[in-house]
Amino acid sequence: MSIIYIDVSSHRYGFILRSAVLMAALAAHKILAKLIYAAPPPGVGKTDGEAGALLMYYGGDAIDLALIIILCYQWYKSTAPQESSQRNLLK
């Protein structure tokens, strides 16, 4: 919610801060997946831990890509010139 702002919010952070937070979250997500792959948590079998870590590492890429596309689209949309102002200039 804090990255893509689908819901109405009283305060929105800037796109540069949201991009930086997203990059930090992506890095932390990859590091966590590698740590789980190397040493699964107690109570989780080695094969299950490795399978979960691989799913987290590679499956998370699709979600990460979707978040990046949505954030970039919102950023582009907020900085693009308004269509109505372009029509008024042409008249």
PDB file of N, CA and C in Angstrom:
ATOM      1  N   MET A   1       0.817  -1.190   0.000  1.00  0.00           N
ATOM      2  CA  MET A   1       0.000   0.000   0.000  1.00  0.00           C
ATOM      3  C   MET A   1       0.864   1.258   0.000  1.00  0.00           C
ATOM      4  N   SER A   2       1.969   1.225   0.703  1.00  0.00           N
ATOM      5  CA  SER A   2       2.800   2.422   0.770  1.00  0.00           C
ATOM      6  C   SER A   2       3.623   2.629  -0.491  1.00  0.00           C
ATOM      7  N   ILE A   3       3.750   1.621  -1.329  1.00  0.00           N
ATOM      8  CA  ILE A   3       4.510   1.764  -2.566  1.00  0.00           C
ATOM      9  C   ILE A   3       3.620   2.216  -3.711  1.00  0.00           C
ATOM     10  N   ILE A   4       2.443   1.610  -3.880  1.00  0.00           N
ATOM     11  CA  ILE A   4       1.638   1.909  -5.063  1.00  0.00           C
ATOM     12  C   ILE A   4       0.390   2.745  -4.792  1.00  0.00           C
ATOM     13  N   TYR A   5      -0.005   2.935  -3.555  1.00  0.00           N
ATOM     14  CA  TYR A   5      -1.117   3.822  -3.174  1.00  0.00           C
ATOM     15  C   TYR A   5      -2.382   3.581  -3.986  1.00  0.00           C
ATOM     16  N   ILE A   6      -2.972   2.420  -3.846  1.00  0.00           N
ATOM     17  CA  ILE A   6      -4.256   2.155  -4.487  1.00  0.00           C
ATOM     18  C   ILE A   6      -5.375   2.795  -3.668  1.00  0.00           C
ATOM     19  N   ASP A   7      -5.280   2.718  -2.347  1.00  0.00           N
ATOM     20  CA  ASP A   7      -6.299   3.294  -1.468  1.00  0.00           C
ATOM     21  C   ASP A   7      -6.041   4.786  -1.263  1.00  0.00           C
ATOM     22  N   VAL A   8      -7.068   5.476  -0.840  1.00  0.00           N
ATOM     23  CA  VAL A   8      -6.957   6.901  -0.535  1.00  0.00           C
ATOM     24  C   VAL A   8      -6.142   7.056   0.747  1.00  0.00           C
ATOM     25  N   SER A   9      -5.212   8.006   0.735  1.00  0.00           N
ATOM     26  CA  SER A   9      -4.358   8.224   1.895  1.00  0.00           C
ATOM     27  C   SER A   9      -4.255   9.713   2.169  1.00  0.00           C
ATOM     28  N   SER A  10      -4.096  10.056   3.427  1.00  0.00           N
ATOM     29  CA  SER A  10      -4.008  11.476   3.783  1.00  0.00           C
ATOM     30  C   SER A  10      -2.638  12.056   3.462  1.00  0.00           C
ATOM     31  N   HIS A  11      -1.601  11.223   3.451  1.00  0.00           N
ATOM     32  CA  HIS A  11      -0.257  11.704   3.153  1.00  0.00           C
ATOM     33  C   HIS A  11       0.442  10.706   2.237  1.00  0.00           C
ATOM     34  N   ARG A  12       0.952  11.208   1.134  1.00  0.00           N
ATOM     35  CA  ARG A  12       1.673  10.351   0.187  1.00  0.00           C
ATOM     36  C   ARG A  12       3.131  10.778   0.155  1.00  0.00           C
ATOM     37  N   TYR A  13       3.987   9.783   0.173  1.00  0.00           N
ATOM     38  CA  TYR A  13       5.414  10.052   0.075  1.00  0.00           C
ATOM     39  C   TYR A  13       5.798  10.228  -1.384  1.00  0.00           C
ATOM     40  N   GLY A  14       6.916  10.888  -1.625  1.00  0.00           N
ATOM     41  CA  GLY A  14       7.377  11.146  -2.973  1.00  0.00           C
ATOM     42  C   GLY A  14       7.832   9.876  -3.678  1.00  0.00           C
ATOM     43  N   PHE A  15       7.930   9.962  -4.987  1.00  0.00           N
ATOM     44  CA  PHE A  15       8.290   8.799  -5.781  1.00  0.00           C
ATOM     45  C   PHE A  15       9.736   8.367  -5.565  1.00  0.00           C
ATOM     46  N   ILE A  16      10.619   9.291  -5.304  1.00  0.00           N
ATOM     47  CA  ILE A  16      12.018   8.918  -5.083  1.00  0.00           C
ATOM     48  C   ILE A  16      12.153   8.120  -3.787  1.00  0.00           C
ATOM     49  N   LEU A  17      11.494   8.550  -2.728  1.00  0.00           N
ATOM     50  CA  LEU A  17      11.535   7.806  -1.474  1.00  0.00           C
ATOM     51  C   LEU A  17      10.886   6.438  -1.634  1.00  0.00           C
ATOM     52  N   ARG A  18       9.750   6.378  -2.306  1.00  0.00           N
ATOM     53  CA  ARG A  18       9.075   5.098  -2.512  1.00  0.00           C
ATOM     54  C   ARG A  18       9.919   4.166  -3.362  1.00  0.00           C
ATOM     55  N   SER A  19      10.631   4.696  -4.354  1.00  0.00           N
ATOM     56  CA  SER A  19      11.525   3.878  -5.182  1.00  0.00           C
ATOM     57  C   SER A  19      12.695   3.344  -4.353  1.00  0.00           C
ATOM     58  N   ALA A  20      13.240   4.174  -3.504  1.00  0.00           N
ATOM     59  CA  ALA A  20      14.360   3.743  -2.653  1.00  0.00           C
ATOM     60  C   ALA A  20      13.911   2.655  -1.674  1.00  0.00           C
ATOM     61  N   VAL A  21      12.729   2.815  -1.107  1.00  0.00           N
ATOM     62  CA  VAL A  21      12.200   1.804  -0.185  1.00  0.00           C
ATOM     63  C   VAL A  21      11.944   0.503  -0.938  1.00  0.00           C
ATOM     64  N   LEU A  22      11.441   0.588  -2.156  1.00  0.00           N
ATOM     65  CA  LEU A  22      11.200  -0.606  -2.949  1.00  0.00           C
ATOM     66  C   LEU A  22      12.510  -1.327  -3.262  1.00  0.00           C
ATOM     67  N   MET A  23      13.549  -0.584  -3.621  1.00  0.00           N
ATOM     68  CA  MET A  23      14.852  -1.211  -3.897  1.00  0.00           C
ATOM     69  C   MET A  23      15.417  -1.884  -2.650  1.00  0.00           C
ATOM     70  N   ALA A  24      15.267  -1.242  -1.503  1.00  0.00           N
ATOM     71  CA  ALA A  24      15.747  -1.851  -0.256  1.00  0.00           C
ATOM     72  C   ALA A  24      14.952  -3.116   0.068  1.00  0.00           C
ATOM     73  N   ALA A  25      13.647  -3.087  -0.163  1.00  0.00           N
ATOM     74  CA  ALA A  25      12.817  -4.263   0.094  1.00  0.00           C
ATOM     75  C   ALA A  25      13.170  -5.401  -0.858  1.00  0.00           C
ATOM     76  N   LEU A  26      13.465  -5.081  -2.112  1.00  0.00           N
ATOM     77  CA  LEU A  26      13.858  -6.109  -3.073  1.00  0.00           C
ATOM     78  C   LEU A  26      15.164  -6.771  -2.640  1.00  0.00           C
ATOM     79  N   ALA A  27      16.117  -5.976  -2.211  1.00  0.00           N
ATOM     80  CA  ALA A  27      17.401  -6.516  -1.764  1.00  0.00           C
ATOM     81  C   ALA A  27      17.219  -7.383  -0.519  1.00  0.00           C
ATOM     82  N   ALA A  28      16.429  -6.923   0.440  1.00  0.00           N
ATOM     83  CA  ALA A  28      16.193  -7.695   1.662  1.00  0.00           C
ATOM     84  C   ALA A  28      15.475  -9.006   1.349  1.00  0.00           C
ATOM     85  N   HIS A  29      14.553  -8.965   0.408  1.00  0.00           N
ATOM     86  CA  HIS A  29      13.813 -10.163   0.007  1.00  0.00           C
ATOM     87  C   HIS A  29      14.762 -11.203  -0.580  1.00  0.00           C
ATOM     88  N   LYS A  30      15.683 -10.776  -1.431  1.00  0.00           N
ATOM     89  CA  LYS A  30      16.647 -11.703  -2.039  1.00  0.00           C
ATOM     90  C   LYS A  30      17.613 -12.264  -0.996  1.00  0.00           C
ATOM     91  N   ILE A  31      18.068 -11.426  -0.103  1.00  0.00           N
ATOM     92  CA  ILE A  31      18.989 -11.890   0.949  1.00  0.00           C
ATOM     93  C   ILE A  31      18.290 -12.901   1.855  1.00  0.00           C
ATOM     94  N   LEU A  32      17.046 -12.631   2.233  1.00  0.00           N
ATOM     95  CA  LEU A  32      16.299 -13.557   3.078  1.00  0.00           C
ATOM     96  C   LEU A  32      16.108 -14.898   2.378  1.00  0.00           C
ATOM     97  N   ALA A  33      15.805 -14.889   1.090  1.00  0.00           N
ATOM     98  CA  ALA A  33      15.630 -16.134   0.347  1.00  0.00           C
ATOM     99  C   ALA A  33      16.929 -16.937   0.322  1.00  0.00           C
ATOM    100  N   LYS A  34      18.054 -16.257   0.150  1.00  0.00           N
ATOM    101  CA  LYS A  34      19.345 -16.953   0.139  1.00  0.00           C
ATOM    102  C   LYS A  34      19.679 -17.524   1.511  1.00  0.00           C
ATOM    103  N   LEU A  35      19.355 -16.797   2.567  1.00  0.00           N
ATOM    104  CA  LEU A  35      19.598 -17.301   3.918  1.00  0.00           C
ATOM    105  C   LEU A  35      18.736 -18.528   4.227  1.00  0.00           C
ATOM    106  N   ILE A  36      17.491 -18.492   3.787  1.00  0.00           N
ATOM    107  CA  ILE A  36      16.609 -19.648   4.007  1.00  0.00           C
ATOM    108  C   ILE A  36      17.097 -20.841   3.207  1.00  0.00           C
ATOM    109  N   TYR A  37      17.597 -20.601   1.999  1.00  0.00           N
ATOM    110  CA  TYR A  37      18.117 -21.695   1.183  1.00  0.00           C
ATOM    111  C   TYR A  37      19.344 -22.327   1.838  1.00  0.00           C
ATOM    112  N   ALA A  38      20.218 -21.496   2.372  1.00  0.00           N
ATOM    113  CA  ALA A  38      21.455 -21.999   2.984  1.00  0.00           C
ATOM    114  C   ALA A  38      21.183 -22.718   4.308  1.00  0.00           C
ATOM    115  N   ALA A  39      20.278 -22.181   5.115  1.00  0.00           N
ATOM    116  CA  ALA A  39      19.985 -22.774   6.425  1.00  0.00           C
ATOM    117  C   ALA A  39      18.499 -22.603   6.721  1.00  0.00           C
ATOM    118  N   PRO A  40      17.685 -23.607   6.371  1.00  0.00           N
ATOM    119  CA  PRO A  40      16.243 -23.505   6.641  1.00  0.00           C
ATOM    120  C   PRO A  40      15.974 -23.335   8.134  1.00  0.00           C
ATOM    121  N   PRO A  41      14.878 -22.683   8.490  1.00  0.00           N
ATOM    122  CA  PRO A  41      14.540 -22.486   9.903  1.00  0.00           C
ATOM    123  C   PRO A  41      14.310 -23.822  10.616  1.00  0.00           C
ATOM    124  N   PRO A  42      14.430 -23.824  11.937  1.00  0.00           N
ATOM    125  CA  PRO A  42      14.186 -25.066  12.694  1.00  0.00           C
ATOM    126  C   PRO A  42      12.774 -25.589  12.454  1.00  0.00           C
ATOM    127  N   GLY A  43      12.673 -26.881  12.319  1.00  0.00           N
ATOM    128  CA  GLY A  43      11.375 -27.500  12.102  1.00  0.00           C
ATOM    129  C   GLY A  43      11.002 -27.645  10.646  1.00  0.00           C
ATOM    130  N   VAL A  44      11.817 -27.114   9.755  1.00  0.00           N
ATOM    131  CA  VAL A  44      11.560 -27.212   8.319  1.00  0.00           C
ATOM    132  C   VAL A  44      12.633 -28.109   7.723  1.00  0.00           C
ATOM    133  N   GLY A  45      12.214 -29.089   6.945  1.00  0.00           N
ATOM    134  CA  GLY A  45      13.167 -29.994   6.317  1.00  0.00           C
ATOM    135  C   GLY A  45      14.034 -29.271   5.288  1.00  0.00           C
ATOM    136  N   LYS A  46      15.200 -29.841   5.013  1.00  0.00           N
ATOM    137  CA  LYS A  46      16.132 -29.195   4.082  1.00  0.00           C
ATOM    138  C   LYS A  46      15.525 -29.061   2.686  1.00  0.00           C
ATOM    139  N   THR A  47      14.874 -30.108   2.199  1.00  0.00           N
ATOM    140  CA  THR A  47      14.295 -30.029   0.854  1.00  0.00           C
ATOM    141  C   THR A  47      13.125 -29.049   0.805  1.00  0.00           C
ATOM    142  N   ASP A  48      12.299 -29.035   1.853  1.00  0.00           N
ATOM    143  CA  ASP A  48      11.187 -28.079   1.896  1.00  0.00           C
ATOM    144  C   ASP A  48      11.703 -26.648   2.013  1.00  0.00           C
ATOM    145  N   GLY A  49      12.723 -26.441   2.819  1.00  0.00           N
ATOM    146  CA  GLY A  49      13.310 -25.111   2.964  1.00  0.00           C
ATOM    147  C   GLY A  49      13.914 -24.616   1.664  1.00  0.00           C
ATOM    148  N   GLU A  50      14.610 -25.508   0.961  1.00  0.00           N
ATOM    149  CA  GLU A  50      15.205 -25.119  -0.321  1.00  0.00           C
ATOM    150  C   GLU A  50      14.128 -24.814  -1.356  1.00  0.00           C
ATOM    151  N   ALA A  51      13.076 -25.631  -1.386  1.00  0.00           N
ATOM    152  CA  ALA A  51      11.991 -25.393  -2.335  1.00  0.00           C
ATOM    153  C   ALA A  51      11.293 -24.064  -2.040  1.00  0.00           C
ATOM    154  N   GLY A  52      11.044 -23.793  -0.771  1.00  0.00           N
ATOM    155  CA  GLY A  52      10.419 -22.527  -0.400  1.00  0.00           C
ATOM    156  C   GLY A  52      11.295 -21.329  -0.714  1.00  0.00           C
ATOM    157  N   ALA A  53      12.598 -21.480  -0.487  1.00  0.00           N
ATOM    158  CA  ALA A  53      13.529 -20.386  -0.775  1.00  0.00           C
ATOM    159  C   ALA A  53      13.612 -20.124  -2.275  1.00  0.00           C
ATOM    160  N   LEU A  54      13.606 -21.198  -3.073  1.00  0.00           N
ATOM    161  CA  LEU A  54      13.637 -21.015  -4.530  1.00  0.00           C
ATOM    162  C   LEU A  54      12.359 -20.342  -5.022  1.00  0.00           C
ATOM    163  N   LEU A  55      11.234 -20.746  -4.458  1.00  0.00           N
ATOM    164  CA  LEU A  55       9.966 -20.100  -4.823  1.00  0.00           C
ATOM    165  C   LEU A  55       9.979 -18.631  -4.427  1.00  0.00           C
ATOM    166  N   MET A  56      10.487 -18.344  -3.251  1.00  0.00           N
ATOM    167  CA  MET A  56      10.573 -16.964  -2.778  1.00  0.00           C
ATOM    168  C   MET A  56      11.512 -16.148  -3.659  1.00  0.00           C
ATOM    169  N   TYR A  57      12.632 -16.735  -4.048  1.00  0.00           N
ATOM    170  CA  TYR A  57      13.644 -16.016  -4.830  1.00  0.00           C
ATOM    171  C   TYR A  57      13.154 -15.751  -6.252  1.00  0.00           C
ATOM    172  N   TYR A  58      12.709 -16.809  -6.936  1.00  0.00           N
ATOM    173  CA  TYR A  58      12.315 -16.652  -8.340  1.00  0.00           C
ATOM    174  C   TYR A  58      10.860 -16.226  -8.505  1.00  0.00           C
ATOM    175  N   GLY A  59       9.979 -16.711  -7.665  1.00  0.00           N
ATOM    176  CA  GLY A  59       8.577 -16.308  -7.751  1.00  0.00           C
ATOM    177  C   GLY A  59       8.360 -14.867  -7.342  1.00  0.00           C
ATOM    178  N   GLY A  60       9.210 -14.390  -6.445  1.00  0.00           N
ATOM    179  CA  GLY A  60       9.114 -12.995  -6.026  1.00  0.00           C
ATOM    180  C   GLY A  60       9.467 -12.029  -7.133  1.00  0.00           C
ATOM    181  N   ASP A  61      10.227 -12.495  -8.130  1.00  0.00           N
ATOM    182  CA  ASP A  61      10.591 -11.626  -9.245  1.00  0.00           C
ATOM    183  C   ASP A  61       9.369 -11.141 -10.013  1.00  0.00           C
ATOM    184  N   ALA A  62       8.380 -12.016 -10.188  1.00  0.00           N
ATOM    185  CA  ALA A  62       7.165 -11.617 -10.904  1.00  0.00           C
ATOM    186  C   ALA A  62       6.414 -10.536 -10.129  1.00  0.00           C
ATOM    187  N   ILE A  63       6.323 -10.705  -8.827  1.00  0.00           N
ATOM    188  CA  ILE A  63       5.651  -9.700  -7.997  1.00  0.00           C
ATOM    189  C   ILE A  63       6.451  -8.407  -7.984  1.00  0.00           C
ATOM    190  N   ASP A  64       7.772  -8.533  -7.877  1.00  0.00           N
ATOM    191  CA  ASP A  64       8.632  -7.347  -7.886  1.00  0.00           C
ATOM    192  C   ASP A  64       8.492  -6.585  -9.199  1.00  0.00           C
ATOM    193  N   LEU A  65       8.456  -7.310 -10.309  1.00  0.00           N
ATOM    194  CA  LEU A  65       8.300  -6.675 -11.615  1.00  0.00           C
ATOM    195  C   LEU A  65       6.966  -5.934 -11.706  1.00  0.00           C
ATOM    196  N   ALA A  66       5.908  -6.553 -11.195  1.00  0.00           N
ATOM    197  CA  ALA A  66       4.594  -5.900 -11.202  1.00  0.00           C
ATOM    198  C   ALA A  66       4.616  -4.620 -10.367  1.00  0.00           C
ATOM    199  N   LEU A  67       5.248  -4.656  -9.194  1.00  0.00           N
ATOM    200  CA  LEU A  67       5.342  -3.453  -8.357  1.00  0.00           C
ATOM    201  C   LEU A  67       6.147  -2.356  -9.051  1.00  0.00           C
ATOM    202  N   ILE A  68       7.233  -2.728  -9.708  1.00  0.00           N
ATOM    203  CA  ILE A  68       8.058  -1.744 -10.412  1.00  0.00           C
ATOM    204  C   ILE A  68       7.270  -1.108 -11.550  1.00  0.00           C
ATOM    205  N   ILE A  69       6.550  -1.915 -12.316  1.00  0.00           N
ATOM    206  CA  ILE A  69       5.759  -1.383 -13.435  1.00  0.00           C
ATOM    207  C   ILE A  69       4.670  -0.442 -12.934  1.00  0.00           C
ATOM    208  N   ILE A  70       3.966  -0.839 -11.876  1.00  0.00           N
ATOM    209  CA  ILE A  70       2.895   0.016 -11.342  1.00  0.00           C
ATOM    210  C   ILE A  70       3.462   1.324 -10.806  1.00  0.00           C
ATOM    211  N   LEU A  71       4.572   1.257 -10.072  1.00  0.00           N
ATOM    212  CA  LEU A  71       5.179   2.474  -9.527  1.00  0.00           C
ATOM    213  C   LEU A  71       5.644   3.401 -10.645  1.00  0.00           C
ATOM    214  N   CYS A  72       6.295   2.851 -11.658  1.00  0.00           N
ATOM    215  CA  CYS A  72       6.762   3.681 -12.776  1.00  0.00           C
ATOM    216  C   CYS A  72       5.592   4.277 -13.554  1.00  0.00           C
ATOM    217  N   TYR A  73       4.521   3.511 -13.723  1.00  0.00           N
ATOM    218  CA  TYR A  73       3.346   4.037 -14.418  1.00  0.00           C
ATOM    219  C   TYR A  73       2.719   5.186 -13.638  1.00  0.00           C
ATOM    220  N   GLN A  74       2.594   5.023 -12.323  1.00  0.00           N
ATOM    221  CA  GLN A  74       2.035   6.099 -11.511  1.00  0.00           C
ATOM    222  C   GLN A  74       2.922   7.338 -11.547  1.00  0.00           C
ATOM    223  N   TRP A  75       4.227   7.134 -11.523  1.00  0.00           N
ATOM    224  CA  TRP A  75       5.169   8.255 -11.578  1.00  0.00           C
ATOM    225  C   TRP A  75       5.034   8.973 -12.911  1.00  0.00           C
ATOM    226  N   TYR A  76       4.974   8.206 -14.003  1.00  0.00           N
ATOM    227  CA  TYR A  76       4.815   8.797 -15.332  1.00  0.00           C
ATOM    228  C   TYR A  76       3.497   9.553 -15.429  1.00  0.00           C
ATOM    229  N   LYS A  77       2.439   8.944 -14.931  1.00  0.00           N
ATOM    230  CA  LYS A  77       1.112   9.554 -14.990  1.00  0.00           C
ATOM    231  C   LYS A  77       1.061  10.865 -14.203  1.00  0.00           C
ATOM    232  N   SER A  78       1.770  10.925 -13.075  1.00  0.00           N
ATOM    233  CA  SER A  78       1.729  12.139 -12.257  1.00  0.00           C
ATOM    234  C   SER A  78       2.568  13.270 -12.843  1.00  0.00           C
ATOM    235  N   THR A  79       3.566  12.941 -13.658  1.00  0.00           N
ATOM    236  CA  THR A  79       4.423  13.980 -14.232  1.00  0.00           C
ATOM    237  C   THR A  79       4.096  14.302 -15.674  1.00  0.00           C
ATOM    238  N   ALA A  80       3.231  13.519 -16.307  1.00  0.00           N
ATOM    239  CA  ALA A  80       2.864  13.768 -17.703  1.00  0.00           C
ATOM    240  C   ALA A  80       1.973  15.006 -17.781  1.00  0.00           C
ATOM    241  N   PRO A  81       2.092  15.756 -18.863  1.00  0.00           N
ATOM    242  CA  PRO A  81       1.211  16.916 -19.025  1.00  0.00           C
ATOM    243  C   PRO A  81      -0.249  16.467 -19.121  1.00  0.00           C
ATOM    244  N   GLN A  82      -1.129  17.292 -18.603  1.00  0.00           N
ATOM    245  CA  GLN A  82      -2.545  16.973 -18.630  1.00  0.00           C
ATOM    246  C   GLN A  82      -3.088  17.087 -20.043  1.00  0.00           C
ATOM    247  N   GLU A  83      -3.928  16.151 -20.423  1.00  0.00           N
ATOM    248  CA  GLU A  83      -4.468  16.129 -21.775  1.00  0.00           C
ATOM    249  C   GLU A  83      -5.367  17.328 -22.036  1.00  0.00           C
ATOM    250  N   SER A  84      -6.140  17.766 -21.042  1.00  0.00           N
ATOM    251  CA  SER A  84      -7.056  18.884 -21.234  1.00  0.00           C
ATOM    252  C   SER A  84      -6.301  20.178 -21.478  1.00  0.00           C
ATOM    253  N   SER A  85      -5.151  20.362 -20.840  1.00  0.00           N
ATOM    254  CA  SER A  85      -4.381  21.585 -21.078  1.00  0.00           C
ATOM    255  C   SER A  85      -3.777  21.588 -22.469  1.00  0.00           C
ATOM    256  N   GLN A  86      -3.468  20.444 -23.011  1.00  0.00           N
ATOM    257  CA  GLN A  86      -2.939  20.385 -24.376  1.00  0.00           C
ATOM    258  C   GLN A  86      -4.034  20.716 -25.374  1.00  0.00           C
ATOM    259  N   ARG A  87      -5.244  20.275 -25.117  1.00  0.00           N
ATOM    260  CA  ARG A  87      -6.358  20.594 -26.014  1.00  0.00           C
ATOM    261  C   ARG A  87      -6.633  22.098 -26.026  1.00  0.00           C
ATOM    262  N   ASN A  88      -6.540  22.742 -24.854  1.00  0.00           N
ATOM    263  CA  ASN A  88      -6.798  24.184 -24.788  1.00  0.00           C
ATOM    264  C   ASN A  88      -5.730  24.961 -25.542  1.00  0.00           C
ATOM    265  N   LEU A  89      -4.508  24.483 -25.560  1.00  0.00           N
ATOM    266  CA  LEU A  89      -3.451  25.165 -26.291  1.00  0.00           C
ATOM    267  C   LEU A  89      -3.634  25.040 -27.789  1.00  0.00           C
ATOM    268  N   LEU A  90      -4.207  23.968 -28.231  1.00  0.00           N
ATOM    269  CA  LEU A  90      -4.395  23.766 -29.669  1.00  0.00           C
ATOM    270  C   LEU A  90      -5.568  24.573 -30.209  1.00  0.00           C
ATOM    271  N   LYS A  91      -6.491  24.976 -29.379  1.00  0.00           N
ATOM    272  CA  LYS A  91      -7.684  25.730 -29.841  1.00  0.00           C
ATOM    273  C   LYS A  91      -7.398  27.161 -30.081  1.00  0.00           C
TER     274      LYS A  91
END
